[in-house]
Amino acid sequence: MVEPHPVSVSTPPPHYPPPEGEGKQSYALSEAEGKPRLRRPASVLTATWLSAVPGLGQLYNRQPKKAAIFLLGVVGLFLLTLNIPGATAELLAFWKPRGSAMVLLSLFLEIVSLLLFMSVFFLALTFWYDAMHDARRTAQERNGERQPGGRWWWFHR
């Protein structure tokens, strides 16, 4: 005869304190006193506007690695954007197209270069906006105004 399995009793999970930065207030221990002191909440507006310079908002939110990624990413994309027209001009100067078919091909190359320039420029602007958005979201999460979500803003939808 088969015995039925005992009915499992579900117990609620033990109550743990929320991870640092998730509550309305976060405490840090003072080294000298050993007593908890209230940490100043992050200003959402300050974090957002500091990110007008990519990475400063992340530094304000105490995220130095992310600040370096945003700064290098935005500066690198803008430098790449500035080099696209020069690279195209160098290529056409080296090539020296002759004849109507070659001139049309060089015009096509100029159009492709312009589209590439605009695409990389808008990618740089998007990355810059992402730095501002990330700084704002992180400050809100640190203050407890928003539930922590995914790592990057496009995963929050």
Protein backbone atom coordinates (compact mmCIF):
# COMPACT_ATOMS: atom_id res chain seq x y z
CA MET A 1 0.00 0.00 0.00
CA VAL A 2 1.24 3.47 -0.90
CA GLU A 3 1.38 5.97 1.90
CA PRO A 4 0.43 9.56 1.08
CA HIS A 5 3.09 12.22 1.53
CA PRO A 6 2.65 14.38 4.58
CA VAL A 7 1.27 17.80 3.92
CA SER A 8 4.09 20.32 4.07
CA VAL A 9 3.62 23.20 6.43
CA SER A 10 4.75 26.43 4.83
CA THR A 11 6.58 28.68 7.21
CA PRO A 12 7.25 32.28 6.39
CA PRO A 13 10.87 33.11 5.65
CA PRO A 14 12.84 34.63 8.52
CA HIS A 15 12.81 38.40 8.72
CA TYR A 16 16.11 39.86 7.62
CA PRO A 17 17.01 43.53 7.72
CA PRO A 18 16.78 45.12 4.27
CA PRO A 19 20.07 45.45 2.37
CA GLU A 20 21.87 48.76 2.79
CA GLY A 21 20.33 51.55 0.77
CA GLU A 22 16.85 49.99 0.48
CA GLY A 23 15.22 51.54 3.53
CA LYS A 24 14.12 55.10 4.09
CA GLN A 25 17.14 55.66 6.32
CA SER A 26 20.48 53.94 6.33
CA TYR A 27 22.85 53.85 9.23
CA ALA A 28 26.62 53.79 9.31
CA LEU A 29 28.68 53.08 12.38
CA SER A 30 30.97 55.79 13.57
CA GLU A 31 34.44 54.38 14.14
CA ALA A 32 35.13 56.53 17.18
CA GLU A 33 31.85 55.98 19.00
CA GLY A 34 30.64 52.64 17.68
CA LYS A 35 27.14 54.11 17.58
CA PRO A 36 24.94 54.20 14.50
CA ARG A 37 24.60 57.58 12.85
CA LEU A 38 22.06 58.55 10.25
CA ARG A 39 23.46 58.75 6.71
CA ARG A 40 22.42 61.80 4.70
CA PRO A 41 19.97 60.82 1.93
CA ALA A 42 21.19 61.26 -1.64
CA SER A 43 19.69 64.21 -3.47
CA VAL A 44 18.03 62.95 -6.64
CA LEU A 45 18.24 66.36 -8.30
CA THR A 46 21.94 66.78 -7.47
CA ALA A 47 22.82 63.30 -8.72
CA THR A 48 20.95 63.90 -11.97
CA TRP A 49 22.49 67.29 -12.72
CA LEU A 50 25.98 66.20 -11.74
CA SER A 51 25.70 63.62 -14.53
CA ALA A 52 25.69 66.45 -17.04
CA VAL A 53 29.40 65.64 -16.79
CA PRO A 54 29.25 61.87 -17.40
CA GLY A 55 30.20 59.92 -14.30
CA LEU A 56 29.93 62.67 -11.67
CA GLY A 57 26.44 61.55 -10.67
CA GLN A 58 27.73 58.01 -10.21
CA LEU A 59 30.60 59.33 -8.07
CA TYR A 60 28.02 61.24 -5.99
CA ASN A 61 26.17 57.93 -5.54
CA ARG A 62 29.45 56.23 -4.51
CA GLN A 63 29.84 54.10 -7.66
CA PRO A 64 33.37 54.82 -8.94
CA LYS A 65 33.59 51.87 -11.38
CA LYS A 66 30.33 52.79 -13.05
CA ALA A 67 31.47 56.44 -13.18
CA ALA A 68 34.62 55.43 -15.06
CA ILE A 69 32.60 53.31 -17.50
CA PHE A 70 30.20 56.15 -18.27
CA LEU A 71 32.94 58.76 -18.59
CA LEU A 72 35.12 56.64 -20.87
CA GLY A 73 32.11 55.46 -22.88
CA VAL A 74 30.70 58.92 -23.58
CA VAL A 75 34.08 60.53 -24.26
CA GLY A 76 35.15 57.60 -26.44
CA LEU A 77 31.97 57.70 -28.52
CA PHE A 78 32.24 61.45 -29.04
CA LEU A 79 35.90 61.12 -30.06
CA LEU A 80 34.93 58.37 -32.50
CA THR A 81 32.19 60.63 -33.85
CA LEU A 82 34.66 63.45 -34.44
CA ASN A 83 37.05 61.14 -36.32
CA ILE A 84 34.54 59.77 -38.83
CA PRO A 85 34.56 62.80 -41.19
CA GLY A 86 38.35 63.01 -41.08
CA ALA A 87 38.75 59.31 -41.87
CA THR A 88 36.38 59.66 -44.81
CA ALA A 89 38.29 62.68 -46.13
CA GLU A 90 41.59 60.80 -45.82
CA LEU A 91 40.16 57.82 -47.69
CA LEU A 92 38.85 59.99 -50.52
CA ALA A 93 42.13 61.94 -50.70
CA PHE A 94 44.06 58.69 -50.98
CA TRP A 95 41.62 57.22 -53.49
CA LYS A 96 41.31 60.26 -55.84
CA PRO A 97 38.22 59.13 -57.77
CA ARG A 98 38.21 59.77 -61.55
CA GLY A 99 35.24 59.39 -63.89
CA SER A 100 31.51 59.68 -63.35
CA ALA A 101 31.05 56.19 -61.85
CA MET A 102 33.84 56.75 -59.35
CA VAL A 103 32.46 60.16 -58.40
CA LEU A 104 29.06 58.58 -57.75
CA LEU A 105 30.77 55.94 -55.65
CA SER A 106 32.58 58.62 -53.66
CA LEU A 107 29.25 60.45 -53.09
CA PHE A 108 27.76 57.18 -51.87
CA LEU A 109 30.74 56.82 -49.51
CA GLU A 110 30.13 60.36 -48.22
CA ILE A 111 26.45 59.55 -47.54
CA VAL A 112 27.37 56.35 -45.70
CA SER A 113 29.94 58.34 -43.71
CA LEU A 114 27.30 60.92 -42.78
CA LEU A 115 24.86 58.20 -41.66
CA LEU A 116 27.59 56.55 -39.60
CA PHE A 117 28.48 59.92 -38.06
CA MET A 118 24.86 60.58 -37.08
CA SER A 119 24.39 57.04 -35.70
CA VAL A 120 27.47 57.17 -33.48
CA PHE A 121 26.60 60.71 -32.37
CA PHE A 122 23.09 59.66 -31.30
CA LEU A 123 24.55 56.59 -29.60
CA ALA A 124 26.86 58.89 -27.61
CA LEU A 125 23.91 61.12 -26.65
CA THR A 126 21.91 58.05 -25.59
CA PHE A 127 24.80 56.81 -23.45
CA TRP A 128 25.06 60.27 -21.88
CA TYR A 129 21.33 60.27 -21.12
CA ASP A 130 21.72 56.78 -19.67
CA ALA A 131 24.35 58.14 -17.25
CA MET A 132 21.92 60.83 -16.06
CA HIS A 133 19.04 58.36 -15.79
CA ASP A 134 21.17 55.83 -13.91
CA ALA A 135 22.36 58.45 -11.40
CA ARG A 136 18.76 59.53 -10.78
CA ARG A 137 17.51 55.96 -10.32
CA THR A 138 20.36 55.00 -8.03
CA ALA A 139 19.76 58.04 -5.81
CA GLN A 140 16.06 57.14 -5.61
CA GLU A 141 16.92 53.54 -4.69
CA ARG A 142 19.37 54.70 -2.02
CA ASN A 143 16.67 56.92 -0.48
CA GLY A 144 14.07 54.16 -0.53
CA GLU A 145 11.83 56.06 -2.97
CA ARG A 146 11.99 53.25 -5.52
CA GLN A 147 12.35 49.48 -5.35
CA PRO A 148 15.71 48.22 -6.60
CA GLY A 149 15.40 46.76 -10.08
CA GLY A 150 17.74 45.47 -12.77
CA ARG A 151 21.28 46.74 -13.23
CA TRP A 152 20.65 48.99 -16.26
CA TRP A 153 17.69 51.25 -16.99
CA TRP A 154 16.41 49.39 -20.07
CA PHE A 155 15.73 46.32 -17.89
CA HIS A 156 13.34 48.31 -15.67
CA ARG A 157 10.45 48.37 -18.13
